[in-house]
Amino acid sequence: MKKTIISKAKKVRLIATDVDGVLTDGSIIIRESGEEVKTWNVKDGLGLYLAKRSGDGIKFAWITGRKSRQVKERAKDMGIDILVQDCMKKRDAMETIIKKLKITPEEVIYIGDDLVDIPVFRYVGLSACPKDAPMEVKREATFIASCEGGKGILREVVELVLKSRGLWEKATRGYI
């Protein structure tokens, strides 16, 4: 792991992420009723739990270009601090979130997987993408995960942040 990534991860107070293509594999099933169905990876749920268990006060935000009742319910279930839906100007949303939380861009890691995420990558201190992101996104990302979107990238990012801050053992105590 590059020293610059570790030093930036030590500063993280907010883990923000896109939803489709990051927390899900990007597939969307639309039922006849119009309801969207997405699949979520339990690894990411464990990552959120470990971050909260670390006691470090790391906040979470989801910023997505789509609007879905399922995403709203999942965010509530997972204890996500801030959810922004139906948003294609993600950098504007990130600026608002940063002001609300009274933090700096350097204290944010943002996980995105496509072109609309690049302006946020250029604004925050640390950016990450899944390994199946387009080349343009990979070129802009500070950290490229070892997994594809929807396969546990949030869990991988949480581990990076907690390990860089010396909180991994505390978060995983009783498991390993």
N, C-alpha and C. Protein backbone atom coordinates (compact mmCIF):
# COMPACT_ATOMS: atom_id res chain seq x y z
N MET A 1 0.85 -1.18 0.00
CA MET A 1 0.00 0.00 0.00
C MET A 1 0.89 1.24 0.00
N LYS A 2 0.59 2.19 -0.84
CA LYS A 2 1.38 3.41 -0.93
C LYS A 2 1.26 4.22 0.35
N LYS A 3 2.36 4.81 0.77
CA LYS A 3 2.38 5.62 1.98
C LYS A 3 1.45 6.82 1.87
N THR A 4 1.32 7.38 0.67
CA THR A 4 0.44 8.55 0.51
C THR A 4 -1.02 8.17 0.75
N ILE A 5 -1.42 6.99 0.32
CA ILE A 5 -2.80 6.54 0.55
C ILE A 5 -3.04 6.34 2.04
N ILE A 6 -2.10 5.73 2.71
CA ILE A 6 -2.23 5.49 4.15
C ILE A 6 -2.30 6.81 4.91
N SER A 7 -1.43 7.77 4.55
CA SER A 7 -1.45 9.05 5.26
C SER A 7 -2.76 9.80 5.01
N LYS A 8 -3.31 9.69 3.81
CA LYS A 8 -4.60 10.34 3.53
C LYS A 8 -5.74 9.62 4.25
N ALA A 9 -5.67 8.30 4.32
CA ALA A 9 -6.72 7.51 4.98
C ALA A 9 -6.77 7.80 6.48
N LYS A 10 -5.64 8.16 7.07
CA LYS A 10 -5.60 8.49 8.50
C LYS A 10 -6.48 9.68 8.84
N LYS A 11 -6.70 10.57 7.87
CA LYS A 11 -7.47 11.80 8.09
C LYS A 11 -8.97 11.61 7.90
N VAL A 12 -9.41 10.49 7.35
CA VAL A 12 -10.80 10.29 6.94
C VAL A 12 -11.77 10.35 8.13
N ARG A 13 -12.78 11.21 7.98
CA ARG A 13 -13.87 11.31 8.95
C ARG A 13 -15.22 11.00 8.30
N LEU A 14 -15.22 10.97 6.96
CA LEU A 14 -16.44 10.66 6.21
C LEU A 14 -16.10 9.70 5.08
N ILE A 15 -16.85 8.60 5.02
CA ILE A 15 -16.77 7.68 3.89
C ILE A 15 -18.05 7.88 3.10
N ALA A 16 -17.90 8.41 1.90
CA ALA A 16 -19.06 8.69 1.04
C ALA A 16 -18.96 7.80 -0.19
N THR A 17 -20.12 7.42 -0.71
CA THR A 17 -20.10 6.49 -1.84
C THR A 17 -21.31 6.66 -2.74
N ASP A 18 -21.11 6.33 -3.98
CA ASP A 18 -22.19 6.15 -4.93
C ASP A 18 -22.88 4.83 -4.53
N VAL A 19 -24.02 4.55 -5.14
CA VAL A 19 -24.73 3.30 -4.82
C VAL A 19 -24.61 2.30 -5.96
N ASP A 20 -25.26 2.56 -7.09
CA ASP A 20 -25.28 1.62 -8.20
C ASP A 20 -23.89 1.49 -8.83
N GLY A 21 -23.40 0.27 -8.88
CA GLY A 21 -22.07 0.01 -9.42
C GLY A 21 -20.99 0.02 -8.37
N VAL A 22 -21.33 0.45 -7.15
CA VAL A 22 -20.38 0.43 -6.03
C VAL A 22 -20.93 -0.49 -4.94
N LEU A 23 -22.05 -0.10 -4.34
CA LEU A 23 -22.67 -0.94 -3.31
C LEU A 23 -23.49 -2.06 -3.93
N THR A 24 -23.85 -1.91 -5.18
CA THR A 24 -24.51 -2.98 -5.94
C THR A 24 -23.65 -3.24 -7.18
N ASP A 25 -23.94 -4.30 -7.89
CA ASP A 25 -23.16 -4.58 -9.09
C ASP A 25 -23.63 -3.77 -10.30
N GLY A 26 -24.58 -2.89 -10.08
CA GLY A 26 -25.09 -2.04 -11.15
C GLY A 26 -26.33 -2.58 -11.82
N SER A 27 -26.68 -3.82 -11.53
CA SER A 27 -27.89 -4.41 -12.10
C SER A 27 -29.12 -3.85 -11.39
N ILE A 28 -30.16 -3.58 -12.17
CA ILE A 28 -31.41 -3.10 -11.59
C ILE A 28 -32.54 -3.93 -12.20
N ILE A 29 -33.29 -4.57 -11.34
CA ILE A 29 -34.47 -5.32 -11.77
C ILE A 29 -35.66 -4.41 -11.52
N ILE A 30 -36.48 -4.22 -12.54
CA ILE A 30 -37.68 -3.40 -12.37
C ILE A 30 -38.88 -4.31 -12.53
N ARG A 31 -39.64 -4.43 -11.44
CA ARG A 31 -40.83 -5.26 -11.44
C ARG A 31 -41.94 -4.59 -12.23
N GLU A 32 -42.97 -5.36 -12.56
CA GLU A 32 -44.11 -4.81 -13.29
C GLU A 32 -44.73 -3.62 -12.56
N SER A 33 -44.67 -3.64 -11.24
CA SER A 33 -45.23 -2.55 -10.43
C SER A 33 -44.40 -1.28 -10.53
N GLY A 34 -43.20 -1.37 -11.13
CA GLY A 34 -42.30 -0.23 -11.22
C GLY A 34 -41.26 -0.21 -10.11
N GLU A 35 -41.41 -1.10 -9.12
CA GLU A 35 -40.48 -1.17 -8.01
C GLU A 35 -39.12 -1.67 -8.49
N GLU A 36 -38.06 -1.00 -8.03
CA GLU A 36 -36.70 -1.42 -8.35
C GLU A 36 -36.21 -2.43 -7.32
N VAL A 37 -35.47 -3.41 -7.79
CA VAL A 37 -34.87 -4.39 -6.91
C VAL A 37 -33.37 -4.38 -7.16
N LYS A 38 -32.60 -4.23 -6.08
CA LYS A 38 -31.15 -4.24 -6.16
C LYS A 38 -30.65 -5.31 -5.19
N THR A 39 -29.47 -5.82 -5.44
CA THR A 39 -28.88 -6.76 -4.51
C THR A 39 -27.70 -6.09 -3.81
N TRP A 40 -27.57 -6.37 -2.53
CA TRP A 40 -26.57 -5.75 -1.68
C TRP A 40 -25.62 -6.83 -1.16
N ASN A 41 -24.38 -6.46 -0.91
CA ASN A 41 -23.39 -7.41 -0.44
C ASN A 41 -23.23 -7.29 1.08
N VAL A 42 -23.35 -8.42 1.78
CA VAL A 42 -23.25 -8.41 3.23
C VAL A 42 -21.86 -7.98 3.71
N LYS A 43 -20.85 -8.13 2.88
CA LYS A 43 -19.51 -7.68 3.26
C LYS A 43 -19.50 -6.18 3.56
N ASP A 44 -20.24 -5.43 2.75
CA ASP A 44 -20.32 -3.99 2.97
C ASP A 44 -21.04 -3.68 4.27
N GLY A 45 -22.07 -4.46 4.58
CA GLY A 45 -22.77 -4.28 5.85
C GLY A 45 -21.85 -4.52 7.03
N LEU A 46 -21.01 -5.53 6.94
CA LEU A 46 -20.04 -5.80 8.00
C LEU A 46 -19.04 -4.66 8.10
N GLY A 47 -18.63 -4.13 6.96
CA GLY A 47 -17.70 -3.00 6.97
C GLY A 47 -18.28 -1.81 7.73
N LEU A 48 -19.53 -1.49 7.48
CA LEU A 48 -20.20 -0.40 8.21
C LEU A 48 -20.22 -0.70 9.70
N TYR A 49 -20.56 -1.92 10.05
CA TYR A 49 -20.62 -2.32 11.46
C TYR A 49 -19.25 -2.18 12.12
N LEU A 50 -18.20 -2.62 11.44
CA LEU A 50 -16.85 -2.53 12.00
C LEU A 50 -16.43 -1.07 12.20
N ALA A 51 -16.77 -0.22 11.26
CA ALA A 51 -16.42 1.20 11.40
C ALA A 51 -17.11 1.79 12.62
N LYS A 52 -18.37 1.45 12.81
CA LYS A 52 -19.10 1.97 13.97
C LYS A 52 -18.56 1.36 15.26
N ARG A 53 -18.18 0.11 15.20
CA ARG A 53 -17.65 -0.59 16.37
C ARG A 53 -16.29 -0.04 16.80
N SER A 54 -15.58 0.58 15.87
CA SER A 54 -14.26 1.13 16.18
C SER A 54 -14.36 2.31 17.15
N GLY A 55 -15.53 2.92 17.24
CA GLY A 55 -15.73 4.03 18.14
C GLY A 55 -15.10 5.33 17.69
N ASP A 56 -14.70 5.39 16.43
CA ASP A 56 -13.97 6.55 15.93
C ASP A 56 -14.89 7.67 15.42
N GLY A 57 -16.19 7.39 15.32
CA GLY A 57 -17.13 8.41 14.87
C GLY A 57 -17.12 8.68 13.38
N ILE A 58 -16.64 7.74 12.59
CA ILE A 58 -16.65 7.90 11.14
C ILE A 58 -18.10 7.99 10.67
N LYS A 59 -18.38 8.97 9.82
CA LYS A 59 -19.72 9.17 9.25
C LYS A 59 -19.77 8.54 7.87
N PHE A 60 -21.02 8.27 7.42
CA PHE A 60 -21.24 7.69 6.10
C PHE A 60 -22.28 8.49 5.32
N ALA A 61 -22.02 8.65 4.03
CA ALA A 61 -22.98 9.32 3.14
C ALA A 61 -23.08 8.53 1.85
N TRP A 62 -24.30 8.44 1.33
CA TRP A 62 -24.52 7.84 0.02
C TRP A 62 -25.05 8.93 -0.89
N ILE A 63 -24.46 9.04 -2.09
CA ILE A 63 -24.90 10.00 -3.10
C ILE A 63 -25.16 9.21 -4.38
N THR A 64 -26.41 9.23 -4.83
CA THR A 64 -26.77 8.42 -5.99
C THR A 64 -27.55 9.23 -7.02
N GLY A 65 -27.34 8.91 -8.28
CA GLY A 65 -28.03 9.59 -9.37
C GLY A 65 -29.47 9.14 -9.54
N ARG A 66 -29.82 8.00 -8.99
CA ARG A 66 -31.17 7.47 -9.10
C ARG A 66 -31.93 7.73 -7.81
N LYS A 67 -33.23 7.54 -7.86
CA LYS A 67 -34.06 7.65 -6.67
C LYS A 67 -34.82 6.34 -6.52
N SER A 68 -34.72 5.76 -5.33
CA SER A 68 -35.31 4.46 -5.10
C SER A 68 -35.74 4.32 -3.64
N ARG A 69 -36.92 3.81 -3.45
CA ARG A 69 -37.40 3.55 -2.08
C ARG A 69 -36.52 2.50 -1.42
N GLN A 70 -36.08 1.52 -2.20
CA GLN A 70 -35.23 0.46 -1.65
C GLN A 70 -33.91 1.04 -1.11
N VAL A 71 -33.33 2.00 -1.81
CA VAL A 71 -32.09 2.61 -1.35
C VAL A 71 -32.34 3.38 -0.05
N LYS A 72 -33.45 4.09 0.00
CA LYS A 72 -33.80 4.84 1.22
C LYS A 72 -33.95 3.89 2.41
N GLU A 73 -34.64 2.79 2.20
CA GLU A 73 -34.84 1.81 3.28
C GLU A 73 -33.52 1.15 3.69
N ARG A 74 -32.68 0.82 2.72
CA ARG A 74 -31.40 0.20 3.03
C ARG A 74 -30.49 1.17 3.79
N ALA A 75 -30.48 2.42 3.38
CA ALA A 75 -29.68 3.43 4.07
C ALA A 75 -30.13 3.58 5.52
N LYS A 76 -31.43 3.59 5.73
CA LYS A 76 -31.96 3.70 7.09
C LYS A 76 -31.57 2.47 7.90
N ASP A 77 -31.73 1.30 7.31
CA ASP A 77 -31.40 0.05 7.98
C ASP A 77 -29.92 -0.02 8.35
N MET A 78 -29.06 0.54 7.50
CA MET A 78 -27.61 0.48 7.72
C MET A 78 -27.10 1.63 8.59
N GLY A 79 -27.97 2.56 8.94
CA GLY A 79 -27.53 3.68 9.78
C GLY A 79 -26.69 4.70 9.04
N ILE A 80 -26.98 4.89 7.76
CA ILE A 80 -26.24 5.88 6.96
C ILE A 80 -26.61 7.28 7.45
N ASP A 81 -25.63 8.12 7.66
CA ASP A 81 -25.86 9.44 8.22
C ASP A 81 -26.55 10.40 7.24
N ILE A 82 -26.12 10.35 5.98
CA ILE A 82 -26.68 11.27 4.98
C ILE A 82 -26.93 10.50 3.69
N LEU A 83 -28.14 10.64 3.15
CA LEU A 83 -28.50 10.04 1.86
C LEU A 83 -28.95 11.14 0.92
N VAL A 84 -28.33 11.19 -0.25
CA VAL A 84 -28.73 12.13 -1.30
C VAL A 84 -29.07 11.30 -2.53
N GLN A 85 -30.32 11.40 -2.98
CA GLN A 85 -30.77 10.65 -4.15
C GLN A 85 -31.11 11.61 -5.29
N ASP A 86 -31.26 11.05 -6.49
CA ASP A 86 -31.66 11.82 -7.67
C ASP A 86 -30.70 12.98 -7.90
N CYS A 87 -29.40 12.69 -7.82
CA CYS A 87 -28.38 13.74 -7.86
C CYS A 87 -27.32 13.42 -8.90
N MET A 88 -27.26 14.22 -9.93
CA MET A 88 -26.21 14.05 -10.93
C MET A 88 -25.06 15.03 -10.72
N LYS A 89 -25.26 16.05 -9.90
CA LYS A 89 -24.20 17.01 -9.58
C LYS A 89 -23.65 16.62 -8.21
N LYS A 90 -22.89 15.55 -8.22
CA LYS A 90 -22.44 14.95 -6.97
C LYS A 90 -21.41 15.81 -6.24
N ARG A 91 -20.62 16.57 -6.96
CA ARG A 91 -19.67 17.45 -6.28
C ARG A 91 -20.42 18.50 -5.47
N ASP A 92 -21.49 19.07 -6.04
CA ASP A 92 -22.30 20.05 -5.29
C ASP A 92 -22.85 19.41 -4.02
N ALA A 93 -23.34 18.19 -4.15
CA ALA A 93 -23.87 17.47 -2.98
C ALA A 93 -22.78 17.26 -1.95
N MET A 94 -21.58 16.89 -2.40
CA MET A 94 -20.47 16.66 -1.48
C MET A 94 -20.09 17.95 -0.76
N GLU A 95 -20.06 19.06 -1.47
CA GLU A 95 -19.75 20.34 -0.83
C GLU A 95 -20.75 20.64 0.28
N THR A 96 -22.03 20.40 0.03
CA THR A 96 -23.08 20.63 1.02
C THR A 96 -22.89 19.73 2.23
N ILE A 97 -22.59 18.46 1.99
CA ILE A 97 -22.39 17.49 3.07
C ILE A 97 -21.19 17.91 3.93
N ILE A 98 -20.11 18.30 3.30
CA ILE A 98 -18.90 18.71 4.02
C ILE A 98 -19.19 19.91 4.92
N LYS A 99 -19.93 20.87 4.39
CA LYS A 99 -20.30 22.04 5.20
C LYS A 99 -21.18 21.63 6.37
N LYS A 100 -22.14 20.76 6.11
CA LYS A 100 -23.06 20.31 7.17
C LYS A 100 -22.30 19.59 8.29
N LEU A 101 -21.34 18.77 7.94
CA LEU A 101 -20.59 18.00 8.93
C LEU A 101 -19.41 18.79 9.53
N LYS A 102 -19.15 19.97 8.97
CA LYS A 102 -18.06 20.83 9.45
C LYS A 102 -16.71 20.11 9.39
N ILE A 103 -16.46 19.52 8.21
CA ILE A 103 -15.19 18.86 7.96
C ILE A 103 -14.57 19.47 6.71
N THR A 104 -13.41 19.01 6.32
CA THR A 104 -12.75 19.50 5.12
C THR A 104 -12.77 18.41 4.04
N PRO A 105 -12.58 18.80 2.77
CA PRO A 105 -12.52 17.79 1.71
C PRO A 105 -11.42 16.74 1.95
N GLU A 106 -10.33 17.14 2.59
CA GLU A 106 -9.22 16.22 2.86
C GLU A 106 -9.62 15.12 3.84
N GLU A 107 -10.73 15.29 4.55
CA GLU A 107 -11.18 14.30 5.53
C GLU A 107 -12.23 13.35 4.95
N VAL A 108 -12.32 13.34 3.62
CA VAL A 108 -13.33 12.53 2.93
C VAL A 108 -12.68 11.54 1.99
N ILE A 109 -13.19 10.30 2.02
CA ILE A 109 -12.91 9.35 0.95
C ILE A 109 -14.23 9.12 0.24
N TYR A 110 -14.19 9.21 -1.08
CA TYR A 110 -15.39 9.00 -1.89
C TYR A 110 -15.16 7.81 -2.80
N ILE A 111 -16.14 6.90 -2.85
CA ILE A 111 -16.07 5.72 -3.69
C ILE A 111 -17.06 5.90 -4.84
N GLY A 112 -16.55 5.86 -6.05
CA GLY A 112 -17.41 5.99 -7.23
C GLY A 112 -16.96 5.04 -8.31
N ASP A 113 -17.83 4.86 -9.31
CA ASP A 113 -17.51 3.88 -10.34
C ASP A 113 -17.68 4.38 -11.77
N ASP A 114 -18.11 5.63 -11.95
CA ASP A 114 -18.34 6.06 -13.32
C ASP A 114 -18.03 7.55 -13.50
N LEU A 115 -18.21 8.02 -14.70
CA LEU A 115 -17.79 9.37 -15.08
C LEU A 115 -18.38 10.47 -14.20
N VAL A 116 -19.64 10.33 -13.77
CA VAL A 116 -20.27 11.36 -12.95
C VAL A 116 -19.61 11.50 -11.58
N ASP A 117 -18.78 10.54 -11.20
CA ASP A 117 -18.09 10.58 -9.92
C ASP A 117 -16.75 11.31 -9.97
N ILE A 118 -16.22 11.51 -11.15
CA ILE A 118 -14.89 12.12 -11.29
C ILE A 118 -14.81 13.51 -10.67
N PRO A 119 -15.80 14.41 -10.85
CA PRO A 119 -15.67 15.71 -10.18
C PRO A 119 -15.53 15.61 -8.66
N VAL A 120 -16.15 14.61 -8.06
CA VAL A 120 -16.01 14.41 -6.61
C VAL A 120 -14.60 13.90 -6.31
N PHE A 121 -14.09 13.00 -7.11
CA PHE A 121 -12.73 12.49 -6.94
C PHE A 121 -11.73 13.65 -6.87
N ARG A 122 -11.93 14.63 -7.74
CA ARG A 122 -11.00 15.76 -7.84
C ARG A 122 -11.14 16.74 -6.67
N TYR A 123 -12.20 16.61 -5.91
CA TYR A 123 -12.50 17.54 -4.82
C TYR A 123 -12.07 17.01 -3.45
N VAL A 124 -12.21 15.71 -3.23
CA VAL A 124 -11.96 15.14 -1.90
C VAL A 124 -10.50 14.71 -1.75
N GLY A 125 -10.14 14.39 -0.51
CA GLY A 125 -8.76 14.01 -0.21
C GLY A 125 -8.36 12.65 -0.73
N LEU A 126 -9.30 11.73 -0.78
CA LEU A 126 -9.01 10.36 -1.18
C LEU A 126 -10.18 9.82 -1.97
N SER A 127 -9.90 9.16 -3.08
CA SER A 127 -10.97 8.60 -3.92
C SER A 127 -10.68 7.13 -4.19
N ALA A 128 -11.75 6.37 -4.37
CA ALA A 128 -11.61 4.94 -4.62
C ALA A 128 -12.62 4.49 -5.66
N CYS A 129 -12.28 3.44 -6.36
CA CYS A 129 -13.20 2.87 -7.34
C CYS A 129 -13.04 1.35 -7.35
N PRO A 130 -14.08 0.65 -7.81
CA PRO A 130 -13.95 -0.81 -7.95
C PRO A 130 -13.04 -1.14 -9.13
N LYS A 131 -12.53 -2.35 -9.15
CA LYS A 131 -11.59 -2.72 -10.21
C LYS A 131 -12.25 -2.81 -11.59
N ASP A 132 -13.59 -2.87 -11.63
CA ASP A 132 -14.26 -2.93 -12.93
C ASP A 132 -14.75 -1.55 -13.41
N ALA A 133 -14.25 -0.49 -12.79
CA ALA A 133 -14.61 0.86 -13.23
C ALA A 133 -13.97 1.14 -14.60
N PRO A 134 -14.54 2.06 -15.37
CA PRO A 134 -13.92 2.42 -16.65
C PRO A 134 -12.53 3.03 -16.45
N MET A 135 -11.70 2.93 -17.45
CA MET A 135 -10.31 3.40 -17.38
C MET A 135 -10.24 4.88 -16.98
N GLU A 136 -11.15 5.71 -17.48
CA GLU A 136 -11.13 7.14 -17.14
C GLU A 136 -11.28 7.34 -15.63
N VAL A 137 -12.09 6.51 -15.00
CA VAL A 137 -12.32 6.59 -13.56
C VAL A 137 -11.09 6.07 -12.81
N LYS A 138 -10.54 4.98 -13.26
CA LYS A 138 -9.34 4.41 -12.62
C LYS A 138 -8.18 5.40 -12.65
N ARG A 139 -8.06 6.15 -13.75
CA ARG A 139 -6.97 7.14 -13.85
C ARG A 139 -7.11 8.23 -12.80
N GLU A 140 -8.32 8.55 -12.41
CA GLU A 140 -8.58 9.63 -11.45
C GLU A 140 -8.56 9.15 -9.99
N ALA A 141 -8.79 7.86 -9.78
CA ALA A 141 -8.91 7.32 -8.42
C ALA A 141 -7.55 7.24 -7.73
N THR A 142 -7.54 7.54 -6.45
CA THR A 142 -6.34 7.39 -5.64
C THR A 142 -6.11 5.92 -5.31
N PHE A 143 -7.22 5.19 -5.13
CA PHE A 143 -7.17 3.79 -4.70
C PHE A 143 -8.11 2.97 -5.57
N ILE A 144 -7.60 1.91 -6.16
CA ILE A 144 -8.42 0.99 -6.95
C ILE A 144 -8.57 -0.29 -6.13
N ALA A 145 -9.80 -0.62 -5.80
CA ALA A 145 -10.08 -1.78 -4.95
C ALA A 145 -9.73 -3.08 -5.68
N SER A 146 -9.58 -4.13 -4.91
CA SER A 146 -9.28 -5.45 -5.49
C SER A 146 -10.54 -6.16 -5.97
N CYS A 147 -11.71 -5.60 -5.63
CA CYS A 147 -12.97 -6.25 -6.01
C CYS A 147 -13.77 -5.38 -6.98
N GLU A 148 -14.72 -6.01 -7.62
CA GLU A 148 -15.63 -5.31 -8.53
C GLU A 148 -16.74 -4.65 -7.73
N GLY A 149 -17.46 -3.75 -8.38
CA GLY A 149 -18.58 -3.09 -7.75
C GLY A 149 -19.61 -4.11 -7.28
N GLY A 150 -20.18 -3.88 -6.09
CA GLY A 150 -21.19 -4.78 -5.55
C GLY A 150 -20.62 -6.01 -4.89
N LYS A 151 -19.31 -6.09 -4.80
CA LYS A 151 -18.66 -7.30 -4.26
C LYS A 151 -17.86 -7.02 -2.98
N GLY A 152 -18.16 -5.92 -2.29
CA GLY A 152 -17.52 -5.67 -1.01
C GLY A 152 -16.53 -4.52 -0.98
N ILE A 153 -16.64 -3.58 -1.90
CA ILE A 153 -15.68 -2.47 -1.94
C ILE A 153 -15.76 -1.59 -0.70
N LEU A 154 -16.96 -1.36 -0.18
CA LEU A 154 -17.08 -0.53 1.02
C LEU A 154 -16.35 -1.20 2.18
N ARG A 155 -16.47 -2.49 2.29
CA ARG A 155 -15.77 -3.25 3.34
C ARG A 155 -14.27 -3.08 3.20
N GLU A 156 -13.77 -3.14 1.95
CA GLU A 156 -12.34 -2.99 1.70
C GLU A 156 -11.87 -1.58 2.07
N VAL A 157 -12.65 -0.58 1.75
CA VAL A 157 -12.30 0.81 2.07
C VAL A 157 -12.32 1.03 3.58
N VAL A 158 -13.32 0.50 4.25
CA VAL A 158 -13.38 0.62 5.72
C VAL A 158 -12.13 0.00 6.35
N GLU A 159 -11.75 -1.16 5.86
CA GLU A 159 -10.55 -1.81 6.39
C GLU A 159 -9.32 -0.93 6.18
N LEU A 160 -9.19 -0.34 5.00
CA LEU A 160 -8.08 0.56 4.72
C LEU A 160 -8.04 1.72 5.73
N VAL A 161 -9.19 2.34 5.94
CA VAL A 161 -9.26 3.49 6.86
C VAL A 161 -8.96 3.06 8.29
N LEU A 162 -9.59 1.99 8.75
CA LEU A 162 -9.38 1.56 10.14
C LEU A 162 -7.94 1.12 10.38
N LYS A 163 -7.35 0.40 9.45
CA LYS A 163 -5.96 -0.04 9.62
C LYS A 163 -5.01 1.15 9.62
N SER A 164 -5.27 2.12 8.76
CA SER A 164 -4.38 3.29 8.70
C SER A 164 -4.44 4.09 10.00
N ARG A 165 -5.56 4.02 10.68
CA ARG A 165 -5.74 4.77 11.94
C ARG A 165 -5.44 3.93 13.18
N GLY A 166 -5.01 2.68 12.99
CA GLY A 166 -4.68 1.81 14.10
C GLY A 166 -5.91 1.32 14.86
N LEU A 167 -7.06 1.23 14.18
CA LEU A 167 -8.31 0.85 14.83
C LEU A 167 -8.82 -0.53 14.41
N TRP A 168 -8.09 -1.20 13.56
CA TRP A 168 -8.55 -2.49 13.04
C TRP A 168 -8.71 -3.53 14.16
N GLU A 169 -7.72 -3.62 15.03
CA GLU A 169 -7.79 -4.61 16.11
C GLU A 169 -8.97 -4.33 17.03
N LYS A 170 -9.21 -3.07 17.36
CA LYS A 170 -10.34 -2.73 18.21
C LYS A 170 -11.66 -3.10 17.54
N ALA A 171 -11.78 -2.81 16.26
CA ALA A 171 -13.02 -3.07 15.53
C ALA A 171 -13.30 -4.56 15.37
N THR A 172 -12.24 -5.35 15.28
CA THR A 172 -12.41 -6.78 15.01
C THR A 172 -12.22 -7.65 16.27
N ARG A 173 -11.99 -7.02 17.40
CA ARG A 173 -11.78 -7.77 18.64
C ARG A 173 -12.94 -8.75 18.88
N GLY A 174 -12.59 -9.97 19.20
CA GLY A 174 -13.59 -11.01 19.41
C GLY A 174 -13.86 -11.83 18.15
N TYR A 175 -13.37 -11.34 17.00
CA TYR A 175 -13.54 -12.09 15.76
C TYR A 175 -12.22 -12.75 15.34
N ILE A 176 -11.14 -11.98 15.41
CA ILE A 176 -9.83 -12.51 14.96
C ILE A 176 -8.80 -12.32 16.05
